[in-house]
Structures are given as structure tokens and as C-alpha cells.
N, C-alpha and C. Protein backbone atom coordinates (compact mmCIF):
# COMPACT_ATOMS: atom_id res chain seq x y z
N MET A 1 0.84 -0.89 -0.03
CA MET A 1 0.15 0.23 0.09
C MET A 1 0.91 1.30 0.28
N ALA A 2 0.53 2.23 -0.89
CA ALA A 2 0.95 3.16 -1.18
C ALA A 2 1.10 4.30 0.05
N LYS A 3 2.30 4.86 0.53
CA LYS A 3 2.12 5.65 1.70
C LYS A 3 1.78 7.81 1.27
N LYS A 4 1.01 7.43 1.92
CA LYS A 4 0.14 8.92 2.13
C LYS A 4 0.79 10.13 1.91
N ILE A 5 0.74 10.92 1.17
CA ILE A 5 1.69 12.45 2.00
C ILE A 5 1.10 13.70 1.58
N SER A 6 1.64 14.48 2.75
CA SER A 6 0.60 14.96 3.11
C SER A 6 0.38 16.22 2.66
N ASP A 7 -0.99 16.73 2.88
CA ASP A 7 -1.29 17.89 2.20
C ASP A 7 -0.05 19.33 1.62
N GLU A 8 0.52 19.69 2.93
CA GLU A 8 1.58 20.37 2.65
C GLU A 8 3.06 20.01 1.48
N GLU A 9 3.27 18.55 1.34
CA GLU A 9 4.17 18.60 1.10
C GLU A 9 3.54 18.62 -0.66
N CYS A 10 2.65 18.38 -0.84
CA CYS A 10 1.97 18.78 -2.08
C CYS A 10 1.73 19.41 -2.13
N THR A 11 1.41 20.27 -1.60
CA THR A 11 1.52 21.98 -2.20
C THR A 11 2.84 22.61 -2.31
N ALA A 12 3.79 22.13 -1.66
CA ALA A 12 5.25 22.79 -2.02
C ALA A 12 5.63 21.93 -2.90
N ASN A 13 5.28 20.44 -3.30
CA ASN A 13 5.53 20.22 -4.59
C ASN A 13 4.93 21.62 -6.19
N TYR A 14 3.67 21.38 -5.51
CA TYR A 14 3.14 22.09 -6.70
C TYR A 14 3.41 23.80 -7.16
N GLU A 15 3.98 24.52 -5.79
CA GLU A 15 5.10 25.72 -5.70
C GLU A 15 6.43 25.56 -5.85
N ARG A 16 7.12 24.34 -6.10
CA ARG A 16 8.49 24.16 -6.16
C ARG A 16 8.23 24.14 -8.14
N LEU A 17 7.35 23.53 -8.40
CA LEU A 17 7.13 23.34 -9.78
C LEU A 17 6.60 24.39 -10.66
N VAL A 18 5.91 25.40 -10.02
CA VAL A 18 5.65 26.60 -10.51
C VAL A 18 7.31 27.26 -10.55
N GLN A 19 7.63 27.00 -9.59
CA GLN A 19 8.84 27.93 -9.60
C GLN A 19 10.26 27.84 -10.76
N LEU A 20 10.25 26.33 -11.01
CA LEU A 20 11.11 25.38 -11.47
C LEU A 20 10.28 26.33 -13.11
N PHE A 21 9.48 26.69 -13.48
CA PHE A 21 8.63 26.85 -14.84
C PHE A 21 8.96 28.23 -15.05
N ARG A 22 8.89 28.72 -13.31
CA ARG A 22 9.16 30.45 -13.97
C ARG A 22 10.95 30.09 -14.34
N GLU A 23 11.84 29.77 -13.49
CA GLU A 23 13.27 29.59 -14.32
C GLU A 23 13.40 29.59 -15.78
N ALA A 24 12.31 28.10 -15.97
CA ALA A 24 12.99 27.63 -17.46
C ALA A 24 12.14 28.75 -18.80
N VAL A 25 11.34 29.21 -18.39
CA VAL A 25 10.68 29.75 -19.75
C VAL A 25 10.58 31.46 -19.95
N PRO A 26 10.80 31.61 -20.63
CA PRO A 26 10.96 33.09 -20.97
C PRO A 26 9.50 33.51 -20.82
N GLY A 27 9.15 35.06 -19.92
CA GLY A 27 7.78 35.32 -19.93
C GLY A 27 7.39 34.88 -19.49
N ALA A 28 7.72 34.06 -18.12
CA ALA A 28 6.47 32.71 -17.86
C ALA A 28 5.60 33.35 -16.90
N ASP A 29 5.87 34.84 -16.64
CA ASP A 29 4.61 35.21 -15.65
C ASP A 29 3.30 35.39 -16.84
N ARG A 30 3.01 35.18 -17.48
CA ARG A 30 2.21 35.40 -18.49
C ARG A 30 1.26 34.14 -18.53
N PHE A 31 1.68 33.34 -17.74
CA PHE A 31 1.33 31.98 -17.71
C PHE A 31 1.03 31.15 -16.39
N SER A 32 -0.23 30.67 -16.45
CA SER A 32 -0.61 29.95 -14.75
C SER A 32 -0.01 28.66 -15.62
N VAL A 33 -0.58 27.43 -14.25
CA VAL A 33 0.87 26.52 -14.30
C VAL A 33 -0.11 25.64 -13.68
N VAL A 34 0.18 24.46 -14.41
CA VAL A 34 -0.55 22.80 -13.54
C VAL A 34 0.17 21.93 -13.69
N ALA A 35 0.39 20.80 -12.78
CA ALA A 35 1.33 19.46 -13.09
C ALA A 35 0.14 18.59 -13.74
N GLY A 36 1.03 18.41 -14.87
CA GLY A 36 1.04 16.86 -15.70
C GLY A 36 1.26 15.98 -15.56
N TYR A 37 0.97 14.73 -15.64
CA TYR A 37 1.81 13.67 -16.37
C TYR A 37 1.57 12.61 -17.54
N GLY A 38 1.99 12.23 -18.12
CA GLY A 38 1.74 10.95 -19.22
C GLY A 38 2.31 9.78 -18.65
N MET A 39 1.89 9.32 -19.65
CA MET A 39 2.66 7.62 -19.96
C MET A 39 2.43 6.97 -21.07
N ASP A 40 3.26 6.59 -21.53
CA ASP A 40 3.70 5.87 -22.68
C ASP A 40 3.80 4.43 -22.33
N VAL A 41 3.45 3.48 -22.94
CA VAL A 41 3.08 2.02 -23.55
C VAL A 41 3.81 1.70 -24.85
N GLY A 42 4.87 0.87 -24.24
CA GLY A 42 5.90 0.29 -25.26
C GLY A 42 5.72 -1.58 -25.15
N MET A 43 4.99 -1.60 -26.37
CA MET A 43 5.01 -3.44 -26.54
C MET A 43 6.11 -3.97 -26.99
N THR A 44 6.80 -5.10 -27.05
CA THR A 44 7.51 -6.05 -27.91
C THR A 44 7.32 -6.83 -27.95
N ASN A 45 6.77 -7.47 -28.92
CA ASN A 45 6.42 -8.80 -29.63
C ASN A 45 8.01 -10.03 -29.20
N PHE A 46 7.92 -11.14 -28.76
CA PHE A 46 9.02 -12.16 -28.58
C PHE A 46 8.18 -13.53 -28.98
N ILE A 47 8.67 -14.34 -29.36
CA ILE A 47 8.19 -15.76 -30.00
C ILE A 47 7.16 -15.75 -28.67
N VAL A 48 7.44 -15.95 -27.67
CA VAL A 48 6.42 -16.86 -26.96
C VAL A 48 6.05 -15.66 -25.80
N VAL A 49 6.82 -14.72 -25.28
CA VAL A 49 6.08 -13.33 -24.76
C VAL A 49 6.30 -12.45 -25.08
N ARG A 50 5.19 -11.40 -24.77
CA ARG A 50 5.30 -9.97 -25.03
C ARG A 50 5.71 -9.37 -24.02
N GLN A 51 6.40 -8.34 -24.21
CA GLN A 51 6.82 -7.31 -22.50
C GLN A 51 6.19 -5.90 -23.40
N THR A 52 5.76 -5.49 -21.91
CA THR A 52 5.21 -4.23 -21.76
C THR A 52 6.02 -3.12 -20.87
N THR A 53 6.34 -2.28 -21.33
CA THR A 53 7.03 -1.70 -20.48
C THR A 53 6.32 0.13 -20.73
N TYR A 54 6.56 0.76 -19.56
CA TYR A 54 5.68 1.74 -18.91
C TYR A 54 6.59 2.89 -18.43
N THR A 55 6.39 4.01 -19.76
CA THR A 55 7.34 5.00 -19.38
C THR A 55 6.67 6.36 -19.20
N TYR A 56 6.96 7.13 -17.75
CA TYR A 56 6.24 8.24 -17.23
C TYR A 56 6.89 8.56 -17.16
N SER A 57 5.84 10.11 -17.56
CA SER A 57 6.61 11.39 -17.45
C SER A 57 5.79 12.66 -16.35
N ASN A 58 6.93 13.71 -16.06
CA ASN A 58 5.96 14.75 -15.79
C ASN A 58 6.30 15.92 -16.26
N TYR A 59 5.02 16.83 -16.06
CA TYR A 59 5.87 18.28 -16.82
C TYR A 59 5.25 19.38 -15.85
N ALA A 60 5.32 20.36 -16.10
CA ALA A 60 4.67 21.70 -15.76
C ALA A 60 4.61 21.86 -16.90
N VAL A 61 3.05 22.50 -16.92
CA VAL A 61 2.27 22.86 -17.99
C VAL A 61 1.41 23.87 -17.90
N GLY A 62 2.10 25.24 -18.30
CA GLY A 62 1.78 26.59 -18.66
C GLY A 62 0.84 27.22 -19.64
N TYR A 63 -0.11 27.42 -19.78
CA TYR A 63 -1.18 28.03 -20.12
C TYR A 63 -1.58 29.41 -20.49
N ASP A 64 -1.82 29.82 -21.52
CA ASP A 64 -2.09 31.38 -21.60
C ASP A 64 -3.20 31.96 -21.77
N GLU A 65 -4.45 31.93 -21.59
CA GLU A 65 -5.77 32.14 -22.47
C GLU A 65 -5.89 33.26 -23.17
N ARG A 66 -5.19 34.16 -23.70
CA ARG A 66 -5.02 35.25 -24.09
C ARG A 66 -4.49 35.48 -25.59
N GLU A 67 -3.70 34.61 -25.07
CA GLU A 67 -2.11 33.99 -26.17
C GLU A 67 -2.88 32.44 -27.11
N ASN A 68 -3.96 31.89 -26.10
CA ASN A 68 -4.11 30.31 -26.54
C ASN A 68 -3.19 29.54 -26.49
N GLU A 69 -2.50 29.32 -25.85
CA GLU A 69 -0.82 29.16 -26.34
C GLU A 69 -0.66 28.00 -24.80
N ILE A 70 -0.08 26.97 -25.00
CA ILE A 70 0.32 26.21 -24.18
C ILE A 70 1.27 26.04 -23.96
N VAL A 71 2.37 26.17 -23.02
CA VAL A 71 3.86 25.26 -23.19
C VAL A 71 4.27 24.48 -22.30
N ILE A 72 4.98 23.11 -22.29
CA ILE A 72 4.99 21.98 -21.64
C ILE A 72 6.54 22.08 -21.41
N LEU A 73 6.77 22.06 -20.63
CA LEU A 73 8.22 21.70 -19.81
C LEU A 73 8.47 20.70 -19.26
N PRO A 74 9.29 19.30 -19.53
CA PRO A 74 9.82 18.19 -18.91
C PRO A 74 10.04 18.63 -17.46
N VAL A 75 10.04 18.09 -16.41
CA VAL A 75 10.70 18.18 -15.03
C VAL A 75 10.47 16.55 -14.68
N ASP A 76 11.41 16.20 -13.93
CA ASP A 76 11.87 15.17 -13.21
C ASP A 76 11.37 14.66 -12.10
N ARG A 77 10.92 13.70 -11.38
CA ARG A 77 10.22 13.81 -10.51
C ARG A 77 10.36 14.57 -9.24
N ASP A 78 11.86 14.51 -8.69
CA ASP A 78 11.90 14.97 -7.58
C ASP A 78 11.96 16.75 -7.74
N LEU A 79 11.70 16.94 -8.76
CA LEU A 79 11.55 18.52 -9.02
C LEU A 79 13.12 19.25 -9.12
N SER A 80 14.43 18.71 -9.80
CA SER A 80 15.26 19.46 -9.29
C SER A 80 16.15 19.74 -10.54
N ALA A 81 15.39 19.18 -11.65
CA ALA A 81 15.93 19.72 -13.43
C ALA A 81 14.45 19.39 -13.94
N TYR A 82 14.95 19.82 -15.56
CA TYR A 82 13.73 20.10 -16.31
C TYR A 82 14.69 20.08 -17.77
N GLY A 83 13.86 19.63 -18.70
CA GLY A 83 14.36 19.78 -19.74
C GLY A 83 14.17 20.68 -20.27
N ASN A 84 13.97 20.55 -21.95
CA ASN A 84 13.42 21.71 -22.80
C ASN A 84 11.98 21.81 -23.22
N ALA A 85 11.46 23.28 -22.85
CA ALA A 85 10.42 23.88 -23.10
C ALA A 85 9.81 23.38 -24.51
N PHE A 86 8.43 23.37 -24.67
CA PHE A 86 7.54 23.68 -26.26
C PHE A 86 6.35 24.12 -26.01
N SER A 87 5.96 24.97 -27.21
CA SER A 87 4.89 25.62 -26.74
C SER A 87 4.28 25.17 -28.40
N LEU A 88 3.31 25.09 -27.69
CA LEU A 88 2.06 24.92 -28.65
C LEU A 88 0.88 26.22 -28.54
N ASN A 89 0.65 26.26 -29.37
CA ASN A 89 -0.61 27.65 -30.02
C ASN A 89 -1.70 26.75 -30.25
N ARG A 90 -2.91 27.39 -30.39
CA ARG A 90 -4.27 27.04 -31.17
C ARG A 90 -4.32 26.53 -32.41
N ASP A 91 -3.43 28.11 -33.12
CA ASP A 91 -3.71 28.05 -34.17
C ASP A 91 -3.20 27.05 -34.79
N THR A 92 -2.03 26.51 -34.90
CA THR A 92 -0.96 25.45 -35.54
C THR A 92 -0.83 24.15 -35.02
N VAL A 93 -1.69 23.90 -34.02
CA VAL A 93 -1.46 22.57 -33.43
C VAL A 93 -2.74 21.82 -34.67
N ILE A 94 -2.01 20.44 -34.82
CA ILE A 94 -3.40 19.88 -35.88
C ILE A 94 -4.86 19.22 -34.87
N LYS A 95 -4.50 19.00 -33.85
CA LYS A 95 -5.62 18.46 -33.26
C LYS A 95 -5.36 18.49 -31.45
N ALA A 96 -6.64 19.09 -30.63
CA ALA A 96 -6.18 19.14 -29.18
C ALA A 96 -7.69 18.61 -29.10
N LYS A 97 -7.55 17.15 -28.03
CA LYS A 97 -8.97 16.79 -27.43
C LYS A 97 -8.45 16.49 -25.98
N GLN A 98 -9.72 16.24 -24.97
CA GLN A 98 -9.42 15.13 -23.92
C GLN A 98 -10.19 14.24 -24.37
N SER A 99 -10.01 12.80 -23.90
CA SER A 99 -10.79 12.06 -23.88
C SER A 99 -11.96 12.20 -22.80
N TRP A 100 -13.34 11.58 -23.19
CA TRP A 100 -14.26 11.49 -21.95
C TRP A 100 -14.27 10.23 -21.06
N LEU A 101 -13.24 9.52 -21.33
CA LEU A 101 -13.28 8.68 -20.21
C LEU A 101 -12.38 8.54 -19.60
N SER A 102 -11.05 8.63 -19.63
CA SER A 102 -9.35 8.76 -18.79
C SER A 102 -9.47 10.39 -19.07
N LYS A 103 -9.88 11.25 -19.09
CA LYS A 103 -9.87 12.38 -18.95
C LYS A 103 -8.40 13.16 -19.58
N GLU A 104 -7.60 11.42 -20.33
CA GLU A 104 -6.51 12.30 -20.88
C GLU A 104 -6.48 12.98 -21.48
N ILE A 105 -5.44 14.24 -21.88
CA ILE A 105 -5.35 15.15 -23.05
C ILE A 105 -4.41 14.64 -23.96
N THR A 106 -4.55 14.58 -25.44
CA THR A 106 -4.37 14.42 -26.22
C THR A 106 -3.86 15.96 -27.84
N ILE A 107 -2.85 15.92 -27.95
CA ILE A 107 -2.78 17.31 -28.31
C ILE A 107 -1.43 16.64 -29.56
N ARG A 108 -1.71 16.42 -30.94
CA ARG A 108 -1.05 16.31 -31.94
C ARG A 108 -0.79 17.84 -32.94
N ASP A 109 0.49 18.01 -33.08
CA ASP A 109 1.34 18.76 -33.35
C ASP A 109 2.76 18.46 -34.07
N ASN A 110 3.23 18.69 -35.18
CA ASN A 110 4.30 18.53 -36.14
C ASN A 110 5.78 18.47 -35.19
N SER A 111 5.56 19.83 -34.37
CA SER A 111 6.57 19.96 -33.88
C SER A 111 7.11 19.57 -32.80
N LEU A 112 5.83 18.85 -32.16
CA LEU A 112 6.85 17.78 -31.03
C LEU A 112 7.19 16.50 -31.66
N PRO A 113 7.96 16.06 -31.03
CA PRO A 113 8.89 14.67 -30.66
C PRO A 113 8.41 13.43 -31.67
N LYS A 114 7.46 13.20 -31.30
CA LYS A 114 6.44 11.89 -31.78
C LYS A 114 5.63 12.59 -32.81
N LYS A 115 5.36 13.86 -32.82
CA LYS A 115 4.07 14.03 -33.65
C LYS A 115 2.72 14.57 -32.31
N TYR A 116 2.80 13.78 -31.46
CA TYR A 116 2.17 14.40 -30.95
C TYR A 116 2.43 14.52 -29.13
N ILE A 117 1.64 14.53 -27.85
CA ILE A 117 1.34 14.62 -26.55
C ILE A 117 0.58 14.25 -25.90
N GLN A 118 0.50 13.13 -25.02
CA GLN A 118 -0.52 12.86 -24.36
C GLN A 118 -0.35 12.79 -22.84
N PHE A 119 -1.27 13.62 -21.84
CA PHE A 119 -0.78 13.88 -20.33
C PHE A 119 -2.07 13.91 -19.65
N SER A 120 -2.19 14.03 -18.55
CA SER A 120 -3.41 14.13 -17.49
C SER A 120 -3.32 15.06 -16.50
N VAL A 121 -3.87 16.28 -16.15
CA VAL A 121 -3.82 17.08 -15.31
C VAL A 121 -4.80 16.75 -14.07
N PRO A 122 -3.77 15.92 -12.91
CA PRO A 122 -5.01 15.42 -11.61
C PRO A 122 -5.44 16.70 -11.09
N GLU A 123 -6.00 16.82 -10.32
CA GLU A 123 -6.14 18.03 -8.78
C GLU A 123 -5.56 16.93 -8.51
N TRP A 124 -5.25 16.21 -7.91
CA TRP A 124 -4.67 15.58 -6.30
C TRP A 124 -4.18 14.32 -6.70
N ILE A 125 -3.09 14.18 -6.40
CA ILE A 125 -1.91 12.62 -5.96
C ILE A 125 -1.61 12.88 -4.93
N ASN A 126 -1.97 11.89 -4.09
CA ASN A 126 -0.92 11.86 -3.02
C ASN A 126 -0.75 10.74 -2.14
N ASP A 127 -0.86 9.66 -3.43
CA ASP A 127 -0.03 7.87 -2.70
C ASP A 127 0.04 7.38 -4.06
N ASP A 128 0.58 7.99 -4.89
CA ASP A 128 1.68 7.17 -5.46
C ASP A 128 2.28 5.98 -5.18
N GLU A 129 2.45 4.88 -5.43
CA GLU A 129 3.04 3.97 -4.76
C GLU A 129 4.15 3.13 -5.53
N ASP A 130 4.14 3.62 -6.98
CA ASP A 130 5.26 3.52 -7.71
C ASP A 130 6.41 4.45 -7.65
N GLU A 131 6.04 5.79 -6.79
CA GLU A 131 6.72 6.69 -6.97
C GLU A 131 7.12 6.73 -8.26
N VAL A 132 6.60 6.97 -9.44
CA VAL A 132 7.18 7.61 -10.84
C VAL A 132 6.41 9.42 -11.28
N VAL A 133 5.31 9.96 -10.27
CA VAL A 133 4.35 11.09 -10.50
C VAL A 133 4.84 11.75 -9.16
N ILE A 134 5.09 13.05 -10.05
CA ILE A 134 5.14 14.02 -8.70
C ILE A 134 3.98 14.20 -7.97
N ALA A 135 3.91 14.48 -6.50
CA ALA A 135 2.57 14.18 -5.44
C ALA A 135 2.37 15.83 -5.61
N VAL A 136 1.17 15.81 -5.88
CA VAL A 136 0.75 17.71 -6.03
C VAL A 136 -1.04 17.85 -5.92
N LYS A 137 -1.40 18.66 -4.90
CA LYS A 137 -2.38 19.45 -4.72
C LYS A 137 -2.78 20.63 -5.57
N GLN A 138 -3.65 20.59 -6.18
CA GLN A 138 -3.88 21.89 -7.55
C GLN A 138 -5.55 21.74 -8.01
N VAL A 139 -6.04 21.59 -6.78
CA VAL A 139 -7.35 21.61 -7.30
C VAL A 139 -8.34 22.75 -8.08
N GLU A 140 -8.30 23.79 -7.69
CA GLU A 140 -8.47 25.09 -8.48
C GLU A 140 -8.08 25.20 -9.46
N GLN A 141 -6.55 25.00 -9.53
CA GLN A 141 -5.97 25.54 -10.49
C GLN A 141 -6.01 24.21 -11.71
N ALA A 142 -6.09 22.89 -11.80
CA ALA A 142 -6.60 21.97 -12.48
C ALA A 142 -7.81 22.39 -13.16
N LYS A 143 -8.44 22.47 -12.45
CA LYS A 143 -10.17 22.54 -13.02
C LYS A 143 -10.22 24.18 -13.90
N ASP A 144 -9.46 24.70 -13.53
CA ASP A 144 -9.29 26.20 -14.59
C ASP A 144 -8.83 25.86 -15.82
N PHE A 145 -7.60 24.81 -15.82
CA PHE A 145 -6.50 24.59 -16.77
C PHE A 145 -7.88 23.66 -17.64
N ILE A 146 -8.36 22.96 -16.92
CA ILE A 146 -9.10 21.83 -17.79
C ILE A 146 -10.86 22.97 -18.31
N GLU A 147 -10.96 23.56 -18.44
CA GLU A 147 -11.87 24.75 -18.25
C GLU A 147 -11.65 25.58 -19.94
N PHE A 148 -10.09 25.89 -19.64
CA PHE A 148 -9.26 26.19 -20.36
C PHE A 148 -9.26 25.47 -21.74
N PHE A 149 -8.81 24.42 -21.47
CA PHE A 149 -8.32 23.51 -22.47
C PHE A 149 -9.76 23.05 -23.24
N LYS A 150 -10.94 23.25 -22.59
CA LYS A 150 -12.36 22.61 -23.52
C LYS A 150 -13.09 23.96 -24.20
N THR A 151 -12.53 24.71 -23.82
CA THR A 151 -13.65 26.04 -24.19
C THR A 151 -12.54 26.63 -25.48
N ARG A 152 -11.13 26.53 -24.83
CA ARG A 152 -10.40 27.85 -25.59
C ARG A 152 -9.74 26.91 -26.58
N PHE A 153 -8.93 25.68 -26.49
CA PHE A 153 -7.93 25.07 -27.17
C PHE A 153 -8.54 23.75 -27.79
N THR A 154 -9.53 23.12 -27.64
CA THR A 154 -10.06 22.12 -28.08
C THR A 154 -9.90 22.05 -29.60
N LYS A 155 -10.13 21.28 -30.92
CA LYS A 155 -9.94 21.49 -32.00
C LYS A 155 -10.10 20.17 -32.54
């Protein structure tokens, strides 16, 4: 059973995530920021065995309602480092949608490494037994992002 992480630690993680976003992204003050995570499933078939691999990614997701822009910054789980941010604008993405079943967001854009990205924006994660995603508490922030995505970015 996973250990529960305190509200204070979840809130501190969210604040550190926002701080990383502000450090990494020029003009970051115009963005609201939420934590997101994605899971990539890879399968390899052998003669008798099928191997499935799961790769988890954590993101600081910034969004600007005025510019209809989303900036996604890959971050490591312990919030000590980040990768290269990429910017997506509603006018240039091929498709952007949210699954009604899993609530996972998919954005297709030719500028992305795999031509698409999938991620979820949880309101709260406080018991990750595998310790692969960042424990956060962002109830209002997640609701605001989903509202922005559904009304202003979906295509």
C-alpha cells in the first residue's frame, strides 16, 4: 500500500513546480501553471512472450488564455531538473482533445518529437505507490486548466 503524502508536501511540490517553470520559460509570468503527467506504453513481441514497458513523464504545463498558448516543460520527479520546453499554439496544432473516459489530453502537432503528446492534469495525487509521478495538490488550478482547454484550445 502506498504511503500517503501530506497536503503540505503536495502543495510545496506544486509551488516548486511553478518555480521551475518560471526559471525555465522566458516571459513565464503570463502563464498559469499546472502539473501534468503522461504515460507511454511500449510493447515488444517475442516468439512466446510479450513485454510491456511503461514510461512515465512529469510536466509543468503553462497556459496563457489571451494567446491560446500552452507551454509544456518536462521535469524530473524530484523537481530538481527540467528539460527543454515546447510551445503549442491553438492556431498551429493539428488536433487537441480530451478523452471523455480517461480525461487524458492529447495534442497533435508536427513540432513535437513524436508528433503528439498525451498527459493528464490531476487535481490531487497523494499516494503514488510506484513513486513515478509528482505528488501535488492543485484542485482549483486543475479545474481552471481543464476549463481553458475545453473552451479555448480543443479543436
